[in-house]
Amino acid sequence: MQRFDRSSSITLCSGSVAATFSCSNSSTEKKPVAMTTDSSLLNSELELQQEEELYQQLLLQTMGKMQTDTPDSKVIRPQPGMCVKTLSEPSKQKVFINICLSNSVPLPPEISREDLVQLLQSEDPSGYRVPMSIGEPHTEIDNNSQGCTAYDVVVNQEFFHKCQEDPLFRQFVILVSLEGLENKHNLELSRDWKVLKNRKFLGSVSEQNIRTKSRPVIQELQPQENSTATAKRPEFVLLVEPPAGDPEYLIAEIKLPGVSSSRSVLLDLGEDRLVLTARPSLFHLDVFLPFMVDQENSVAQYNRSTQILEVTVPVVSS
């Protein structure tokens, strides 16, 4: 009997088969042959089975430890910042937004007051995004002992303090918090808000689970320094399917003339962001998506004849 261990080398089992033959002196009289099996064979088979079960247990333990050592998310407990009161449309129900702060949330890109004014006056102010963690709704009681809905929005601590120093930045962080809640929870909130003076938080501060790293669709994007300095922004079209009603898919059609193979394309897709780089320094695209998407179930296809990359991403239902 042969046994193959995990390094593909061959060893022979020590078990053997013993046969006992009994014969008489007579050439015509024959006795039946008696065969007995060595019990070491059974012991070897049992040992192999036990070793395989032990190996599977160790493998599962190792995989679980690897996932624990390198988590995709972590739990944070933010600090209260300010509480904003507004109304939901068209029901006119009171809604409170607890804008909280934490250093675990990434700091947005640096922007001056002049650049912020130009951004807000532009046709597409979505070019600048503020990283935030948006929690689930929770029911609270207001000062009039009436039920209301509250949401927690967490931004970077340094960015929050900067917004407190300038009324324009303060209005900006409230505005992006409203838009983030509307996109995630399919809400319509009034822009006639009020910042509560004597209350920084409605309810109790809850823990939030934030993602620590993104999961790429095709492969991890690791651009070299200054690799996008000479790259061009490709032409692209972003389509919503279906065109009317609740969106189910976003389809991005990106034109990449001169790109002969999908091997030259690096694509990174986050929850609300698409980043593309075509080597060597041909194209670079970095856009935020209008909806939260399911990047794990997204599909990217490159047509070499038309030189168009089509990226189809499911929209996360609210």
C-alpha atoms as a PDB file:
ATOM      1  CA  MET A   1       0.000   0.000   0.000  1.00  0.00           C
ATOM      2  CA  GLN A   2       1.274   3.470  -0.882  1.00  0.00           C
ATOM      3  CA  ARG A   3       0.633   6.780   0.800  1.00  0.00           C
ATOM      4  CA  PHE A   4       1.201  10.264  -0.663  1.00  0.00           C
ATOM      5  CA  ASP A   5       1.986  12.997   1.805  1.00  0.00           C
ATOM      6  CA  ARG A   6       1.527  16.749   1.195  1.00  0.00           C
ATOM      7  CA  SER A   7       5.010  17.301  -0.261  1.00  0.00           C
ATOM      8  CA  SER A   8       4.237  14.792  -3.032  1.00  0.00           C
ATOM      9  CA  SER A   9       6.931  12.361  -1.855  1.00  0.00           C
ATOM     10  CA  ILE A  10       6.111   8.644  -1.682  1.00  0.00           C
ATOM     11  CA  THR A  11       6.419   6.499   1.445  1.00  0.00           C
ATOM     12  CA  LEU A  12       5.557   2.879   1.960  1.00  0.00           C
ATOM     13  CA  CYS A  13       3.274   1.790   4.775  1.00  0.00           C
ATOM     14  CA  SER A  14       4.679  -0.686   7.286  1.00  0.00           C
ATOM     15  CA  GLY A  15       1.543  -2.812   7.104  1.00  0.00           C
ATOM     16  CA  SER A  16       1.821  -6.164   5.331  1.00  0.00           C
ATOM     17  CA  VAL A  17      -0.422  -9.099   4.416  1.00  0.00           C
ATOM     18  CA  ALA A  18       0.515 -12.497   5.962  1.00  0.00           C
ATOM     19  CA  ALA A  19      -0.655 -15.678   4.258  1.00  0.00           C
ATOM     20  CA  THR A  20      -0.433 -19.151   5.809  1.00  0.00           C
ATOM     21  CA  PHE A  21      -0.587 -22.217   3.556  1.00  0.00           C
ATOM     22  CA  SER A  22      -1.137 -25.677   4.944  1.00  0.00           C
ATOM     23  CA  CYS A  23      -0.344 -28.795   2.809  1.00  0.00           C
ATOM     24  CA  SER A  24      -0.431 -32.547   3.463  1.00  0.00           C
ATOM     25  CA  ASN A  25       1.894 -35.216   2.230  1.00  0.00           C
ATOM     26  CA  SER A  26      -0.759 -36.590  -0.037  1.00  0.00           C
ATOM     27  CA  SER A  27      -0.729 -35.221  -3.536  1.00  0.00           C
ATOM     28  CA  THR A  28      -4.471 -35.685  -3.883  1.00  0.00           C
ATOM     29  CA  GLU A  29      -5.656 -34.338  -0.552  1.00  0.00           C
ATOM     30  CA  LYS A  30      -5.678 -30.583  -0.299  1.00  0.00           C
ATOM     31  CA  LYS A  31      -6.710 -28.427   2.581  1.00  0.00           C
ATOM     32  CA  PRO A  32      -8.241 -24.972   2.184  1.00  0.00           C
ATOM     33  CA  VAL A  33      -5.897 -22.020   2.251  1.00  0.00           C
ATOM     34  CA  ALA A  34      -6.194 -19.788   5.275  1.00  0.00           C
ATOM     35  CA  MET A  35      -5.459 -16.032   4.885  1.00  0.00           C
ATOM     36  CA  THR A  36      -5.268 -13.517   7.687  1.00  0.00           C
ATOM     37  CA  THR A  37      -4.969  -9.727   7.404  1.00  0.00           C
ATOM     38  CA  ASP A  38      -2.419  -7.836   9.425  1.00  0.00           C
ATOM     39  CA  SER A  39      -4.203  -5.385  11.779  1.00  0.00           C
ATOM     40  CA  SER A  40      -1.502  -2.774  11.109  1.00  0.00           C
ATOM     41  CA  LEU A  41      -3.195  -2.029   7.780  1.00  0.00           C
ATOM     42  CA  LEU A  42      -6.395  -0.947   9.509  1.00  0.00           C
ATOM     43  CA  ASN A  43      -4.415   1.084  11.983  1.00  0.00           C
ATOM     44  CA  SER A  44      -2.613   2.886   9.128  1.00  0.00           C
ATOM     45  CA  GLU A  45      -5.910   3.736   7.399  1.00  0.00           C
ATOM     46  CA  LEU A  46      -7.311   5.079  10.664  1.00  0.00           C
ATOM     47  CA  GLU A  47      -4.198   7.165  11.256  1.00  0.00           C
ATOM     48  CA  LEU A  48      -4.458   8.633   7.743  1.00  0.00           C
ATOM     49  CA  GLN A  49      -8.094   9.589   8.338  1.00  0.00           C
ATOM     50  CA  GLN A  50      -7.246  11.208  11.674  1.00  0.00           C
ATOM     51  CA  GLU A  51      -4.350  13.117  10.116  1.00  0.00           C
ATOM     52  CA  GLU A  52      -6.637  14.420   7.361  1.00  0.00           C
ATOM     53  CA  GLU A  53      -9.238  15.590   9.883  1.00  0.00           C
ATOM     54  CA  LEU A  54      -6.541  17.311  11.951  1.00  0.00           C
ATOM     55  CA  TYR A  55      -5.162  19.010   8.836  1.00  0.00           C
ATOM     56  CA  GLN A  56      -8.613  20.363   7.910  1.00  0.00           C
ATOM     57  CA  GLN A  57      -9.095  21.714  11.428  1.00  0.00           C
ATOM     58  CA  LEU A  58      -5.713  23.452  11.383  1.00  0.00           C
ATOM     59  CA  LEU A  59      -6.447  24.885   7.929  1.00  0.00           C
ATOM     60  CA  LEU A  60      -9.764  26.365   9.076  1.00  0.00           C
ATOM     61  CA  GLN A  61      -8.132  27.816  12.192  1.00  0.00           C
ATOM     62  CA  THR A  62      -5.342  29.387  10.120  1.00  0.00           C
ATOM     63  CA  MET A  63      -7.799  30.935   7.646  1.00  0.00           C
ATOM     64  CA  GLY A  64      -9.883  32.336  10.482  1.00  0.00           C
ATOM     65  CA  LYS A  65      -6.804  33.842  12.123  1.00  0.00           C
ATOM     66  CA  MET A  66      -5.706  35.454   8.841  1.00  0.00           C
ATOM     67  CA  GLN A  67      -9.106  37.070   8.447  1.00  0.00           C
ATOM     68  CA  THR A  68      -8.963  38.297  12.053  1.00  0.00           C
ATOM     69  CA  ASP A  69      -5.439  39.693  11.675  1.00  0.00           C
ATOM     70  CA  THR A  70      -6.303  41.624   8.490  1.00  0.00           C
ATOM     71  CA  PRO A  71      -9.915  42.829   8.879  1.00  0.00           C
ATOM     72  CA  ASP A  72     -11.655  44.815   6.157  1.00  0.00           C
ATOM     73  CA  SER A  73     -13.416  46.968   8.750  1.00  0.00           C
ATOM     74  CA  LYS A  74     -13.244  48.095  12.336  1.00  0.00           C
ATOM     75  CA  VAL A  75     -15.625  49.375  14.980  1.00  0.00           C
ATOM     76  CA  ILE A  76     -15.294  52.988  16.126  1.00  0.00           C
ATOM     77  CA  ARG A  77     -17.075  55.094  18.749  1.00  0.00           C
ATOM     78  CA  PRO A  78     -17.261  58.670  17.405  1.00  0.00           C
ATOM     79  CA  GLN A  79     -17.413  61.852  19.480  1.00  0.00           C
ATOM     80  CA  PRO A  80     -20.424  64.200  19.379  1.00  0.00           C
ATOM     81  CA  GLY A  81     -19.939  67.275  17.196  1.00  0.00           C
ATOM     82  CA  MET A  82     -23.156  69.150  16.438  1.00  0.00           C
ATOM     83  CA  CYS A  83     -26.823  68.339  16.014  1.00  0.00           C
ATOM     84  CA  VAL A  84     -28.785  69.634  13.020  1.00  0.00           C
ATOM     85  CA  LYS A  85     -32.578  69.741  12.894  1.00  0.00           C
ATOM     86  CA  THR A  86     -34.472  69.586   9.599  1.00  0.00           C
ATOM     87  CA  LEU A  87     -37.628  68.096   8.063  1.00  0.00           C
ATOM     88  CA  SER A  88     -38.281  65.185   5.738  1.00  0.00           C
ATOM     89  CA  GLU A  89     -40.164  65.876   2.517  1.00  0.00           C
ATOM     90  CA  PRO A  90     -43.059  65.744   1.860  1.00  0.00           C
ATOM     91  CA  SER A  91     -44.183  64.327   5.232  1.00  0.00           C
ATOM     92  CA  LYS A  92     -42.692  67.252   7.229  1.00  0.00           C
ATOM     93  CA  GLN A  93     -41.471  64.867   9.916  1.00  0.00           C
ATOM     94  CA  LYS A  94     -38.692  66.111  12.166  1.00  0.00           C
ATOM     95  CA  VAL A  95     -35.261  64.663  11.424  1.00  0.00           C
ATOM     96  CA  PHE A  96     -32.131  65.185  13.525  1.00  0.00           C
ATOM     97  CA  ILE A  97     -28.639  64.707  12.115  1.00  0.00           C
ATOM     98  CA  ASN A  98     -25.851  64.037  14.596  1.00  0.00           C
ATOM     99  CA  ILE A  99     -22.642  65.123  12.893  1.00  0.00           C
ATOM    100  CA  CYS A 100     -19.878  63.323  14.798  1.00  0.00           C
ATOM    101  CA  LEU A 101     -16.099  63.226  14.511  1.00  0.00           C
ATOM    102  CA  SER A 102     -13.413  60.553  14.529  1.00  0.00           C
ATOM    103  CA  ASN A 103      -9.797  60.322  13.432  1.00  0.00           C
ATOM    104  CA  SER A 104     -10.559  56.879  11.979  1.00  0.00           C
ATOM    105  CA  VAL A 105     -12.422  58.520   9.094  1.00  0.00           C
ATOM    106  CA  PRO A 106     -10.013  59.700   6.342  1.00  0.00           C
ATOM    107  CA  LEU A 107      -9.273  63.396   5.987  1.00  0.00           C
ATOM    108  CA  PRO A 108     -10.647  64.899   2.744  1.00  0.00           C
ATOM    109  CA  PRO A 109      -8.278  66.659   0.341  1.00  0.00           C
ATOM    110  CA  GLU A 110      -7.146  70.111   1.380  1.00  0.00           C
ATOM    111  CA  ILE A 111      -9.277  72.887  -0.109  1.00  0.00           C
ATOM    112  CA  SER A 112      -9.089  76.657   0.371  1.00  0.00           C
ATOM    113  CA  ARG A 113     -12.054  78.921   0.968  1.00  0.00           C
ATOM    114  CA  GLU A 114     -11.695  80.408  -2.503  1.00  0.00           C
ATOM    115  CA  ASP A 115     -11.661  76.956  -4.114  1.00  0.00           C
ATOM    116  CA  LEU A 116     -14.716  75.962  -2.080  1.00  0.00           C
ATOM    117  CA  VAL A 117     -16.606  79.030  -3.291  1.00  0.00           C
ATOM    118  CA  GLN A 118     -15.750  78.177  -6.904  1.00  0.00           C
ATOM    119  CA  LEU A 119     -16.735  74.565  -6.315  1.00  0.00           C
ATOM    120  CA  LEU A 120     -20.146  75.479  -4.925  1.00  0.00           C
ATOM    121  CA  GLN A 121     -20.766  77.852  -7.839  1.00  0.00           C
ATOM    122  CA  SER A 122     -19.742  75.285 -10.458  1.00  0.00           C
ATOM    123  CA  GLU A 123     -22.171  73.142 -12.426  1.00  0.00           C
ATOM    124  CA  ASP A 124     -20.745  69.924 -10.990  1.00  0.00           C
ATOM    125  CA  PRO A 125     -19.762  70.361  -7.306  1.00  0.00           C
ATOM    126  CA  SER A 126     -19.523  66.566  -6.890  1.00  0.00           C
ATOM    127  CA  GLY A 127     -15.858  66.677  -7.922  1.00  0.00           C
ATOM    128  CA  TYR A 128     -14.918  67.156  -4.266  1.00  0.00           C
ATOM    129  CA  ARG A 129     -16.091  64.517  -1.818  1.00  0.00           C
ATOM    130  CA  VAL A 130     -15.893  64.349   1.961  1.00  0.00           C
ATOM    131  CA  PRO A 131     -15.275  60.841   3.379  1.00  0.00           C
ATOM    132  CA  MET A 132     -17.954  60.004   5.920  1.00  0.00           C
ATOM    133  CA  SER A 133     -19.571  57.084   7.688  1.00  0.00           C
ATOM    134  CA  ILE A 134     -23.381  57.162   7.643  1.00  0.00           C
ATOM    135  CA  GLY A 135     -25.268  55.145  10.230  1.00  0.00           C
ATOM    136  CA  GLU A 136     -28.722  53.642  10.288  1.00  0.00           C
ATOM    137  CA  PRO A 137     -31.798  55.570  11.505  1.00  0.00           C
ATOM    138  CA  HIS A 138     -32.727  55.355  15.177  1.00  0.00           C
ATOM    139  CA  THR A 139     -35.875  56.576  16.941  1.00  0.00           C
ATOM    140  CA  GLU A 140     -35.494  59.236  19.636  1.00  0.00           C
ATOM    141  CA  ILE A 141     -37.640  61.573  21.746  1.00  0.00           C
ATOM    142  CA  ASP A 142     -37.316  65.340  21.240  1.00  0.00           C
ATOM    143  CA  ASN A 143     -37.768  68.117  23.832  1.00  0.00           C
ATOM    144  CA  ASN A 144     -41.533  68.067  23.272  1.00  0.00           C
ATOM    145  CA  SER A 145     -41.679  64.348  24.139  1.00  0.00           C
ATOM    146  CA  GLN A 146     -42.504  63.593  20.515  1.00  0.00           C
ATOM    147  CA  GLY A 147     -41.018  60.733  18.530  1.00  0.00           C
ATOM    148  CA  CYS A 148     -38.523  61.611  15.826  1.00  0.00           C
ATOM    149  CA  THR A 149     -35.844  60.040  13.638  1.00  0.00           C
ATOM    150  CA  ALA A 150     -32.124  60.650  14.098  1.00  0.00           C
ATOM    151  CA  TYR A 151     -29.129  59.739  11.940  1.00  0.00           C
ATOM    152  CA  ASP A 152     -25.424  59.704  12.799  1.00  0.00           C
ATOM    153  CA  VAL A 153     -22.874  60.989  10.287  1.00  0.00           C
ATOM    154  CA  VAL A 154     -19.163  60.704  11.136  1.00  0.00           C
ATOM    155  CA  VAL A 155     -16.493  62.903   9.502  1.00  0.00           C
ATOM    156  CA  ASN A 156     -12.811  63.413  10.145  1.00  0.00           C
ATOM    157  CA  GLN A 157     -12.076  65.210  13.413  1.00  0.00           C
ATOM    158  CA  GLU A 158      -9.582  67.698  11.937  1.00  0.00           C
ATOM    159  CA  PHE A 159     -11.931  68.552   9.085  1.00  0.00           C
ATOM    160  CA  PHE A 160     -14.829  69.060  11.514  1.00  0.00           C
ATOM    161  CA  HIS A 161     -12.844  71.558  13.612  1.00  0.00           C
ATOM    162  CA  LYS A 162     -11.889  73.449  10.440  1.00  0.00           C
ATOM    163  CA  CYS A 163     -15.580  73.655   9.504  1.00  0.00           C
ATOM    164  CA  GLN A 164     -16.397  75.089  12.925  1.00  0.00           C
ATOM    165  CA  GLU A 165     -13.992  77.975  12.344  1.00  0.00           C
ATOM    166  CA  ASP A 166     -15.574  79.139   9.067  1.00  0.00           C
ATOM    167  CA  PRO A 167     -19.361  79.494   8.527  1.00  0.00           C
ATOM    168  CA  LEU A 168     -18.972  78.593   4.845  1.00  0.00           C
ATOM    169  CA  PHE A 169     -17.251  75.293   5.640  1.00  0.00           C
ATOM    170  CA  ARG A 170     -19.819  74.668   8.359  1.00  0.00           C
ATOM    171  CA  GLN A 171     -22.665  75.010   5.886  1.00  0.00           C
ATOM    172  CA  PHE A 172     -20.757  72.838   3.444  1.00  0.00           C
ATOM    173  CA  VAL A 173     -20.331  69.923   5.857  1.00  0.00           C
ATOM    174  CA  ILE A 174     -24.040  70.101   6.742  1.00  0.00           C
ATOM    175  CA  LEU A 175     -24.958  70.112   3.053  1.00  0.00           C
ATOM    176  CA  VAL A 176     -22.817  67.087   2.190  1.00  0.00           C
ATOM    177  CA  SER A 177     -24.230  65.261   5.234  1.00  0.00           C
ATOM    178  CA  LEU A 178     -27.764  65.874   3.966  1.00  0.00           C
ATOM    179  CA  GLU A 179     -26.828  64.670   0.480  1.00  0.00           C
ATOM    180  CA  GLY A 180     -25.113  61.579   1.877  1.00  0.00           C
ATOM    181  CA  LEU A 181     -28.200  60.650   3.887  1.00  0.00           C
ATOM    182  CA  GLU A 182     -30.462  61.221   0.892  1.00  0.00           C
ATOM    183  CA  ASN A 183     -28.345  58.978  -1.328  1.00  0.00           C
ATOM    184  CA  LYS A 184     -27.947  56.148   1.159  1.00  0.00           C
ATOM    185  CA  HIS A 185     -31.445  56.046   2.650  1.00  0.00           C
ATOM    186  CA  ASN A 186     -33.445  57.349  -0.331  1.00  0.00           C
ATOM    187  CA  LEU A 187     -34.624  60.434   1.555  1.00  0.00           C
ATOM    188  CA  GLU A 188     -35.651  63.950   0.631  1.00  0.00           C
ATOM    189  CA  LEU A 189     -34.613  66.438   3.294  1.00  0.00           C
ATOM    190  CA  SER A 190     -35.392  70.117   3.602  1.00  0.00           C
ATOM    191  CA  ARG A 191     -32.522  72.559   3.129  1.00  0.00           C
ATOM    192  CA  ASP A 192     -34.062  74.783   5.793  1.00  0.00           C
ATOM    193  CA  TRP A 193     -32.042  73.410   8.688  1.00  0.00           C
ATOM    194  CA  LYS A 194     -31.209  74.639  12.179  1.00  0.00           C
ATOM    195  CA  VAL A 195     -28.124  73.894  14.283  1.00  0.00           C
ATOM    196  CA  LEU A 196     -29.047  73.250  17.915  1.00  0.00           C
ATOM    197  CA  LYS A 197     -27.073  75.524  20.238  1.00  0.00           C
ATOM    198  CA  ASN A 198     -27.279  73.611  23.517  1.00  0.00           C
ATOM    199  CA  ARG A 199     -27.124  70.056  22.204  1.00  0.00           C
ATOM    200  CA  LYS A 200     -24.353  68.305  20.291  1.00  0.00           C
ATOM    201  CA  PHE A 201     -26.108  64.960  19.981  1.00  0.00           C
ATOM    202  CA  LEU A 202     -29.648  63.596  20.160  1.00  0.00           C
ATOM    203  CA  GLY A 203     -29.859  60.174  21.774  1.00  0.00           C
ATOM    204  CA  SER A 204     -26.785  58.161  22.733  1.00  0.00           C
ATOM    205  CA  VAL A 205     -23.538  57.791  20.822  1.00  0.00           C
ATOM    206  CA  SER A 206     -23.457  54.420  19.047  1.00  0.00           C
ATOM    207  CA  GLU A 207     -20.568  52.475  17.607  1.00  0.00           C
ATOM    208  CA  GLN A 208     -20.148  52.376  13.849  1.00  0.00           C
ATOM    209  CA  ASN A 209     -18.421  49.833  11.625  1.00  0.00           C
ATOM    210  CA  ILE A 210     -16.211  51.502   9.038  1.00  0.00           C
ATOM    211  CA  ARG A 211     -14.238  49.941   6.211  1.00  0.00           C
ATOM    212  CA  THR A 212     -10.469  50.107   6.544  1.00  0.00           C
ATOM    213  CA  LYS A 213      -9.561  49.125   2.969  1.00  0.00           C
ATOM    214  CA  SER A 214     -11.274  48.921  -0.397  1.00  0.00           C
ATOM    215  CA  ARG A 215     -11.739  45.722  -2.371  1.00  0.00           C
ATOM    216  CA  PRO A 216     -10.773  46.088  -6.031  1.00  0.00           C
ATOM    217  CA  VAL A 217     -12.782  44.524  -8.858  1.00  0.00           C
ATOM    218  CA  ILE A 218     -10.031  43.628 -11.320  1.00  0.00           C
ATOM    219  CA  GLN A 219      -6.766  44.154  -9.491  1.00  0.00           C
ATOM    220  CA  GLU A 220      -5.251  46.411  -6.904  1.00  0.00           C
ATOM    221  CA  LEU A 221      -4.336  49.854  -8.173  1.00  0.00           C
ATOM    222  CA  GLN A 222      -0.821  50.886  -7.201  1.00  0.00           C
ATOM    223  CA  PRO A 223       0.187  53.834  -9.397  1.00  0.00           C
ATOM    224  CA  GLN A 224       3.753  55.055  -9.411  1.00  0.00           C
ATOM    225  CA  GLU A 225       4.635  58.584  -8.446  1.00  0.00           C
ATOM    226  CA  ASN A 226       3.742  61.160 -11.102  1.00  0.00           C
ATOM    227  CA  SER A 227       2.324  58.390 -13.289  1.00  0.00           C
ATOM    228  CA  THR A 228      -0.836  60.411 -13.915  1.00  0.00           C
ATOM    229  CA  ALA A 229       0.895  63.749 -14.513  1.00  0.00           C
ATOM    230  CA  THR A 230       0.907  63.313 -18.301  1.00  0.00           C
ATOM    231  CA  ALA A 231      -2.153  61.067 -18.538  1.00  0.00           C
ATOM    232  CA  LYS A 232      -5.291  62.334 -20.273  1.00  0.00           C
ATOM    233  CA  ARG A 233      -8.840  62.185 -18.971  1.00  0.00           C
ATOM    234  CA  PRO A 234     -10.705  59.776 -21.272  1.00  0.00           C
ATOM    235  CA  GLU A 235     -14.155  60.397 -22.675  1.00  0.00           C
ATOM    236  CA  PHE A 236     -16.808  58.491 -20.790  1.00  0.00           C
ATOM    237  CA  VAL A 237     -20.563  58.199 -20.447  1.00  0.00           C
ATOM    238  CA  LEU A 238     -22.385  57.165 -17.281  1.00  0.00           C
ATOM    239  CA  LEU A 239     -25.786  55.542 -17.853  1.00  0.00           C
ATOM    240  CA  VAL A 240     -28.476  54.610 -15.333  1.00  0.00           C
ATOM    241  CA  GLU A 241     -30.628  51.514 -15.813  1.00  0.00           C
ATOM    242  CA  PRO A 242     -33.555  51.670 -15.855  1.00  0.00           C
ATOM    243  CA  PRO A 243     -33.705  55.288 -17.062  1.00  0.00           C
ATOM    244  CA  ALA A 244     -36.823  55.942 -14.942  1.00  0.00           C
ATOM    245  CA  GLY A 245     -37.685  54.815 -11.442  1.00  0.00           C
ATOM    246  CA  ASP A 246     -35.320  53.349  -8.885  1.00  0.00           C
ATOM    247  CA  PRO A 247     -31.851  52.743 -10.390  1.00  0.00           C
ATOM    248  CA  GLU A 248     -30.669  49.148 -10.505  1.00  0.00           C
ATOM    249  CA  TYR A 249     -27.394  49.461 -12.425  1.00  0.00           C
ATOM    250  CA  LEU A 250     -24.808  52.056 -13.373  1.00  0.00           C
ATOM    251  CA  ILE A 251     -23.070  51.499 -16.709  1.00  0.00           C
ATOM    252  CA  ALA A 252     -19.868  53.400 -17.440  1.00  0.00           C
ATOM    253  CA  GLU A 253     -18.649  53.394 -21.059  1.00  0.00           C
ATOM    254  CA  ILE A 254     -15.054  54.653 -21.203  1.00  0.00           C
ATOM    255  CA  LYS A 255     -13.279  55.290 -24.518  1.00  0.00           C
ATOM    256  CA  LEU A 256      -9.620  54.228 -24.489  1.00  0.00           C
ATOM    257  CA  PRO A 257      -8.162  54.820 -27.968  1.00  0.00           C
ATOM    258  CA  GLY A 258      -4.690  53.357 -28.313  1.00  0.00           C
ATOM    259  CA  VAL A 259      -5.169  50.727 -25.611  1.00  0.00           C
ATOM    260  CA  SER A 260      -4.704  47.369 -27.305  1.00  0.00           C
ATOM    261  CA  SER A 261      -5.427  45.030 -24.398  1.00  0.00           C
ATOM    262  CA  SER A 262      -7.216  44.942 -21.070  1.00  0.00           C
ATOM    263  CA  ARG A 263      -3.879  43.996 -19.500  1.00  0.00           C
ATOM    264  CA  SER A 264      -2.886  47.648 -19.815  1.00  0.00           C
ATOM    265  CA  VAL A 265      -5.865  48.811 -17.758  1.00  0.00           C
ATOM    266  CA  LEU A 266      -5.943  49.093 -13.971  1.00  0.00           C
ATOM    267  CA  LEU A 267      -9.414  49.551 -12.484  1.00  0.00           C
ATOM    268  CA  ASP A 268     -10.278  50.227  -8.860  1.00  0.00           C
ATOM    269  CA  LEU A 269     -13.932  50.435  -7.832  1.00  0.00           C
ATOM    270  CA  GLY A 270     -15.081  51.540  -4.394  1.00  0.00           C
ATOM    271  CA  GLU A 271     -18.474  51.997  -2.850  1.00  0.00           C
ATOM    272  CA  ASP A 272     -19.015  55.298  -4.643  1.00  0.00           C
ATOM    273  CA  ARG A 273     -15.833  55.896  -6.656  1.00  0.00           C
ATOM    274  CA  LEU A 274     -14.248  54.666  -9.878  1.00  0.00           C
ATOM    275  CA  VAL A 275     -10.535  55.058 -10.595  1.00  0.00           C
ATOM    276  CA  LEU A 276      -8.970  53.945 -13.893  1.00  0.00           C
ATOM    277  CA  THR A 277      -5.412  54.115 -15.183  1.00  0.00           C
ATOM    278  CA  ALA A 278      -4.271  52.968 -18.625  1.00  0.00           C
ATOM    279  CA  ARG A 279      -0.577  52.226 -18.963  1.00  0.00           C
ATOM    280  CA  PRO A 280       1.819  53.606 -19.911  1.00  0.00           C
ATOM    281  CA  SER A 281       0.408  56.969 -18.717  1.00  0.00           C
ATOM    282  CA  LEU A 282      -2.186  57.150 -21.477  1.00  0.00           C
ATOM    283  CA  PHE A 283      -5.341  57.812 -19.497  1.00  0.00           C
ATOM    284  CA  HIS A 284      -6.372  58.497 -15.938  1.00  0.00           C
ATOM    285  CA  LEU A 285      -9.950  58.789 -14.665  1.00  0.00           C
ATOM    286  CA  ASP A 286     -11.077  59.422 -11.106  1.00  0.00           C
ATOM    287  CA  VAL A 287     -14.819  60.025 -10.650  1.00  0.00           C
ATOM    288  CA  PHE A 288     -17.341  59.708  -7.858  1.00  0.00           C
ATOM    289  CA  LEU A 289     -20.519  57.802  -8.599  1.00  0.00           C
ATOM    290  CA  PRO A 290     -23.962  59.258  -7.845  1.00  0.00           C
ATOM    291  CA  PHE A 291     -25.067  56.141  -5.945  1.00  0.00           C
ATOM    292  CA  MET A 292     -23.592  53.594  -3.564  1.00  0.00           C
ATOM    293  CA  VAL A 293     -22.710  50.471  -5.559  1.00  0.00           C
ATOM    294  CA  ASP A 294     -21.946  46.793  -4.974  1.00  0.00           C
ATOM    295  CA  GLN A 295     -18.348  46.540  -6.199  1.00  0.00           C
ATOM    296  CA  GLU A 296     -18.056  42.808  -5.489  1.00  0.00           C
ATOM    297  CA  ASN A 297     -20.698  41.921  -8.099  1.00  0.00           C
ATOM    298  CA  SER A 298     -19.517  44.372 -10.741  1.00  0.00           C
ATOM    299  CA  VAL A 299     -18.386  43.350 -14.218  1.00  0.00           C
ATOM    300  CA  ALA A 300     -15.851  45.034 -16.517  1.00  0.00           C
ATOM    301  CA  GLN A 301     -15.421  44.147 -20.222  1.00  0.00           C
ATOM    302  CA  TYR A 302     -13.032  45.658 -22.739  1.00  0.00           C
ATOM    303  CA  ASN A 303     -13.851  45.571 -26.457  1.00  0.00           C
ATOM    304  CA  ARG A 304     -10.590  45.652 -28.396  1.00  0.00           C
ATOM    305  CA  SER A 305     -12.295  46.469 -31.692  1.00  0.00           C
ATOM    306  CA  THR A 306     -14.124  49.546 -30.393  1.00  0.00           C
ATOM    307  CA  GLN A 307     -11.518  50.217 -27.656  1.00  0.00           C
ATOM    308  CA  ILE A 308     -14.278  50.887 -25.150  1.00  0.00           C
ATOM    309  CA  LEU A 309     -14.282  49.642 -21.560  1.00  0.00           C
ATOM    310  CA  GLU A 310     -17.769  48.944 -20.204  1.00  0.00           C
ATOM    311  CA  VAL A 311     -18.171  48.713 -16.438  1.00  0.00           C
ATOM    312  CA  THR A 312     -21.536  47.511 -15.079  1.00  0.00           C
ATOM    313  CA  VAL A 313     -22.119  47.961 -11.344  1.00  0.00           C
ATOM    314  CA  PRO A 314     -25.255  47.113  -9.345  1.00  0.00           C
ATOM    315  CA  VAL A 315     -26.701  49.974  -7.297  1.00  0.00           C
ATOM    316  CA  VAL A 316     -27.074  49.205  -3.609  1.00  0.00           C
ATOM    317  CA  SER A 317     -30.747  49.337  -2.731  1.00  0.00           C
ATOM    318  CA  SER A 318     -31.611  51.601   0.154  1.00  0.00           C
END
